[in-house]
Amino acid sequence: MRSAETGRHTDGNGLYLVVTETGRRNWVLRFQMNGRRRDAGLGAYPAVGLADARLRAADYRKLRAYPVNAYTYYMLGAAKHQNRAR
């Protein structure tokens, strides 16, 4: 991850690591809702690692299966990812 160049780097299924010109790294889930492309921020790397970003993306996709606006629900914090005991 340290050597990732500026731009979007895909992990697959809509999950991206976005690297800015200043070197900041953020996980983003890209999806389509009502015919429009949306990006949902999942957290900054390295505070959020790849495994956790994948879990957060999966949780977000589950929310989208219900007849609510998952994007708004997630952004308002009602679906904040909880620490998982492993």
Protein backbone atom coordinates (compact mmCIF):
# COMPACT_ATOMS: atom_id res chain seq x y z
CA MET A 1 0.00 0.00 0.00
CA ARG A 2 2.84 2.39 0.69
CA SER A 3 3.90 2.37 -2.96
CA ALA A 4 0.45 3.06 -4.41
CA GLU A 5 0.53 5.92 -6.90
CA THR A 6 -1.94 8.80 -7.09
CA GLY A 7 -5.37 7.71 -8.36
CA ARG A 8 -7.99 5.02 -7.78
CA HIS A 9 -6.83 1.47 -7.15
CA THR A 10 -9.57 -1.17 -7.32
CA ASP A 11 -9.92 -4.15 -5.04
CA GLY A 12 -12.94 -5.34 -6.98
CA ASN A 13 -16.72 -5.16 -6.60
CA GLY A 14 -16.72 -1.37 -6.30
CA LEU A 15 -14.13 -1.03 -3.51
CA TYR A 16 -11.32 1.43 -4.22
CA LEU A 17 -8.29 2.82 -2.44
CA VAL A 18 -8.12 6.47 -3.47
CA VAL A 19 -4.65 8.04 -3.21
CA THR A 20 -4.44 11.83 -3.41
CA GLU A 21 -1.52 13.92 -4.63
CA THR A 22 -0.62 14.65 -1.00
CA GLY A 23 -0.39 10.92 -0.27
CA ARG A 24 -3.62 10.52 1.72
CA ARG A 25 -5.28 7.15 1.25
CA ASN A 26 -9.03 6.58 1.68
CA TRP A 27 -11.27 3.59 1.08
CA VAL A 28 -14.28 4.34 -1.12
CA LEU A 29 -17.19 2.18 -2.23
CA ARG A 30 -18.47 3.21 -5.66
CA PHE A 31 -22.04 2.22 -6.58
CA GLN A 32 -25.01 3.37 -8.59
CA MET A 33 -28.30 4.57 -7.07
CA ASN A 34 -31.27 5.91 -9.01
CA GLY A 35 -29.15 6.01 -12.15
CA ARG A 36 -26.45 8.17 -10.56
CA ARG A 37 -22.94 7.17 -9.54
CA ARG A 38 -22.17 7.60 -5.85
CA ASP A 39 -19.07 7.20 -3.69
CA ALA A 40 -19.33 6.28 -0.01
CA GLY A 41 -16.28 6.85 2.15
CA LEU A 42 -15.38 3.86 4.30
CA GLY A 43 -12.42 5.28 6.20
CA ALA A 44 -8.78 6.26 5.86
CA TYR A 45 -5.88 3.87 5.41
CA PRO A 46 -4.05 2.71 7.58
CA ALA A 47 -6.66 3.26 10.33
CA VAL A 48 -8.97 1.08 8.23
CA GLY A 49 -7.14 -1.86 6.71
CA LEU A 50 -8.11 -3.87 3.66
CA ALA A 51 -9.97 -6.57 5.60
CA ASP A 52 -12.01 -3.99 7.53
CA ALA A 53 -12.74 -2.00 4.36
CA ARG A 54 -14.08 -5.18 2.75
CA LEU A 55 -16.31 -5.80 5.80
CA ARG A 56 -17.62 -2.23 5.74
CA ALA A 57 -18.33 -2.50 2.00
CA ALA A 58 -20.21 -5.77 2.56
CA ASP A 59 -22.26 -4.18 5.36
CA TYR A 60 -23.10 -1.25 3.11
CA ARG A 61 -24.18 -3.56 0.28
CA LYS A 62 -26.50 -5.40 2.71
CA LEU A 63 -28.12 -2.08 3.66
CA ARG A 64 -28.79 -1.34 -0.01
CA ALA A 65 -30.89 -4.51 -0.24
CA TYR A 66 -33.57 -2.92 1.97
CA PRO A 67 -36.14 -0.38 0.74
CA VAL A 68 -34.45 2.56 2.46
CA ASN A 69 -31.97 5.07 1.17
CA ALA A 70 -28.87 3.21 2.33
CA TYR A 71 -26.59 6.06 1.32
CA THR A 72 -28.33 8.55 3.62
CA TYR A 73 -28.73 5.96 6.38
CA TYR A 74 -25.02 5.18 6.28
CA MET A 75 -23.88 8.79 6.07
CA LEU A 76 -26.04 9.82 9.04
CA GLY A 77 -24.17 7.33 11.18
CA ALA A 78 -27.00 4.93 11.95
CA ALA A 79 -25.01 2.13 10.35
CA LYS A 80 -21.61 2.89 11.86
CA HIS A 81 -19.43 -0.12 11.76
CA GLN A 82 -18.93 -1.62 15.20
CA ASN A 83 -15.75 -3.25 16.41
CA ARG A 84 -15.86 -6.96 15.78
CA ALA A 85 -14.35 -9.37 18.27
CA ARG A 86 -12.15 -11.89 16.54
